[in-house]
């Protein structure tokens, strides 16, 4: 089977694993964050759709995204919302909310 741009296969301990192309593969809230995660326009579109147009990557959040291998993008949405003082609907919480 030939390798494609959207699906690369790697051999580790004789097992085949699929490596996600963060630039073009479809992603959902259930997509697992893996060791090959990248902050791409595809990911930015996902977060804007889930969080709203006020979403922006910031350095602390981008660093966090590199560490939670095994969590999902739903977990990442929750983490971003927590860091930016918003509830699950995007409404600001706290003293100015």
Foldseek 3Di string as FASTA:
>chain_A
DDDDPQWDWDADPNDTDTDGDQADDDADQAAFQAQPDDPYVSVVVRLCVQQNPPDDDDVVLVVVSNPDGGHGNVVSSVVVCVVQQAPRNNHHDDDVD
